[in-house]
Amino acid sequence: MKTPSKSKTEANPAVPAVPALTVGIDLGDKKHAICVLDAGGAIIDERTITNHRESLRRLSAKHPGARVVMEVGSHSPWI
């Protein structure tokens, strides 16, 4: 009889759990496209923000504890 396989987190406790929110940011010269996903992968917010420190600060303050992933290029070295 085959035993059920363990999930990745059960097999390796070093693998972090899926966070409640993931914020994806595609950085641009003037604007950044953002997409916020819940733990199940459903889109809960999708918009653009300006390329300013204050905009990024507000975004991170709105989603504390979220996983943040970025697509970056040579146009955004200050990030």
C-alpha atoms as a PDB file:
ATOM      1  CA  MET A   1       0.000   0.000   0.000  1.00  0.00           C
ATOM      2  CA  LYS A   2       1.364   3.390  -0.990  1.00  0.00           C
ATOM      3  CA  THR A   3       1.707   5.973   1.770  1.00  0.00           C
ATOM      4  CA  PRO A   4       0.698   9.579   1.035  1.00  0.00           C
ATOM      5  CA  SER A   5       3.606  11.828   0.108  1.00  0.00           C
ATOM      6  CA  LYS A   6       4.542  14.694   2.350  1.00  0.00           C
ATOM      7  CA  SER A   7       4.123  18.284   1.225  1.00  0.00           C
ATOM      8  CA  LYS A   8       7.295  20.301   0.611  1.00  0.00           C
ATOM      9  CA  THR A   9       6.998  22.075   3.953  1.00  0.00           C
ATOM     10  CA  GLU A  10       6.484  18.781   5.815  1.00  0.00           C
ATOM     11  CA  ALA A  11       9.424  17.186   4.016  1.00  0.00           C
ATOM     12  CA  ASN A  12      11.643  20.237   4.536  1.00  0.00           C
ATOM     13  CA  PRO A  13      10.696  22.644   7.317  1.00  0.00           C
ATOM     14  CA  ALA A  14      13.189  25.172   5.881  1.00  0.00           C
ATOM     15  CA  VAL A  15      10.774  25.840   2.993  1.00  0.00           C
ATOM     16  CA  PRO A  16       8.726  28.897   3.984  1.00  0.00           C
ATOM     17  CA  ALA A  17       4.947  28.779   3.988  1.00  0.00           C
ATOM     18  CA  VAL A  18       3.053  30.658   1.300  1.00  0.00           C
ATOM     19  CA  PRO A  19       2.478  34.214   2.567  1.00  0.00           C
ATOM     20  CA  ALA A  20      -1.022  35.678   2.752  1.00  0.00           C
ATOM     21  CA  LEU A  21      -0.106  38.192   0.010  1.00  0.00           C
ATOM     22  CA  THR A  22       2.439  38.404  -2.783  1.00  0.00           C
ATOM     23  CA  VAL A  23       3.161  41.755  -4.430  1.00  0.00           C
ATOM     24  CA  GLY A  24       4.670  41.572  -7.910  1.00  0.00           C
ATOM     25  CA  ILE A  25       6.318  44.725  -9.257  1.00  0.00           C
ATOM     26  CA  ASP A  26       7.457  45.294 -12.841  1.00  0.00           C
ATOM     27  CA  LEU A  27       9.743  48.316 -12.490  1.00  0.00           C
ATOM     28  CA  GLY A  28       9.745  50.980 -15.188  1.00  0.00           C
ATOM     29  CA  ASP A  29      11.335  54.347 -15.896  1.00  0.00           C
ATOM     30  CA  LYS A  30       8.278  56.423 -14.977  1.00  0.00           C
ATOM     31  CA  LYS A  31       5.726  53.942 -13.611  1.00  0.00           C
ATOM     32  CA  HIS A  32       5.744  50.526 -11.993  1.00  0.00           C
ATOM     33  CA  ALA A  33       3.066  47.931 -12.763  1.00  0.00           C
ATOM     34  CA  ILE A  34       1.973  46.079  -9.634  1.00  0.00           C
ATOM     35  CA  CYS A  35      -0.128  42.990  -9.062  1.00  0.00           C
ATOM     36  CA  VAL A  36      -1.158  41.771  -5.611  1.00  0.00           C
ATOM     37  CA  LEU A  37      -2.103  38.098  -5.223  1.00  0.00           C
ATOM     38  CA  ASP A  38      -3.676  36.275  -2.297  1.00  0.00           C
ATOM     39  CA  ALA A  39      -2.300  32.941  -1.041  1.00  0.00           C
ATOM     40  CA  GLY A  40      -4.438  31.068  -3.579  1.00  0.00           C
ATOM     41  CA  GLY A  41      -3.075  33.095  -6.509  1.00  0.00           C
ATOM     42  CA  ALA A  42      -6.173  35.235  -7.101  1.00  0.00           C
ATOM     43  CA  ILE A  43      -5.537  38.829  -8.170  1.00  0.00           C
ATOM     44  CA  ILE A  44      -6.773  41.254  -5.528  1.00  0.00           C
ATOM     45  CA  ASP A  45      -5.193  44.471  -6.896  1.00  0.00           C
ATOM     46  CA  GLU A  46      -3.646  45.399 -10.231  1.00  0.00           C
ATOM     47  CA  ARG A  47      -2.539  48.929 -11.122  1.00  0.00           C
ATOM     48  CA  THR A  48       0.423  51.222 -11.730  1.00  0.00           C
ATOM     49  CA  ILE A  49       2.265  53.468  -9.312  1.00  0.00           C
ATOM     50  CA  THR A  50       4.718  56.268  -9.993  1.00  0.00           C
ATOM     51  CA  ASN A  51       8.463  55.735  -9.914  1.00  0.00           C
ATOM     52  CA  HIS A  52       9.038  57.562  -6.627  1.00  0.00           C
ATOM     53  CA  ARG A  53      10.299  56.401  -3.244  1.00  0.00           C
ATOM     54  CA  GLU A  54       7.109  57.596  -1.567  1.00  0.00           C
ATOM     55  CA  SER A  55       4.943  55.449  -3.871  1.00  0.00           C
ATOM     56  CA  LEU A  56       6.962  52.348  -2.970  1.00  0.00           C
ATOM     57  CA  ARG A  57       6.822  53.260   0.726  1.00  0.00           C
ATOM     58  CA  ARG A  58       3.010  53.545   0.581  1.00  0.00           C
ATOM     59  CA  LEU A  59       2.767  50.232  -1.269  1.00  0.00           C
ATOM     60  CA  SER A  60       4.841  48.399   1.338  1.00  0.00           C
ATOM     61  CA  ALA A  61       2.919  50.064   4.189  1.00  0.00           C
ATOM     62  CA  LYS A  62      -0.380  48.940   2.633  1.00  0.00           C
ATOM     63  CA  HIS A  63       0.752  45.287   2.505  1.00  0.00           C
ATOM     64  CA  PRO A  64       2.951  44.620   5.586  1.00  0.00           C
ATOM     65  CA  GLY A  65       4.417  41.126   5.707  1.00  0.00           C
ATOM     66  CA  ALA A  66       3.732  40.431   2.021  1.00  0.00           C
ATOM     67  CA  ARG A  67       6.263  38.647  -0.161  1.00  0.00           C
ATOM     68  CA  VAL A  68       7.566  41.134  -2.738  1.00  0.00           C
ATOM     69  CA  VAL A  69       8.971  40.047  -6.107  1.00  0.00           C
ATOM     70  CA  MET A  70      10.439  42.444  -8.677  1.00  0.00           C
ATOM     71  CA  GLU A  71      11.410  42.435 -12.312  1.00  0.00           C
ATOM     72  CA  VAL A  72      14.239  44.925 -12.642  1.00  0.00           C
ATOM     73  CA  GLY A  73      16.552  46.252 -15.316  1.00  0.00           C
ATOM     74  CA  SER A  74      19.271  48.793 -15.829  1.00  0.00           C
ATOM     75  CA  HIS A  75      16.732  51.639 -15.626  1.00  0.00           C
ATOM     76  CA  SER A  76      16.131  51.231 -11.888  1.00  0.00           C
ATOM     77  CA  PRO A  77      19.493  50.988 -10.077  1.00  0.00           C
ATOM     78  CA  TRP A  78      18.250  52.927  -7.043  1.00  0.00           C
ATOM     79  CA  ILE A  79      15.732  50.226  -6.146  1.00  0.00           C
END
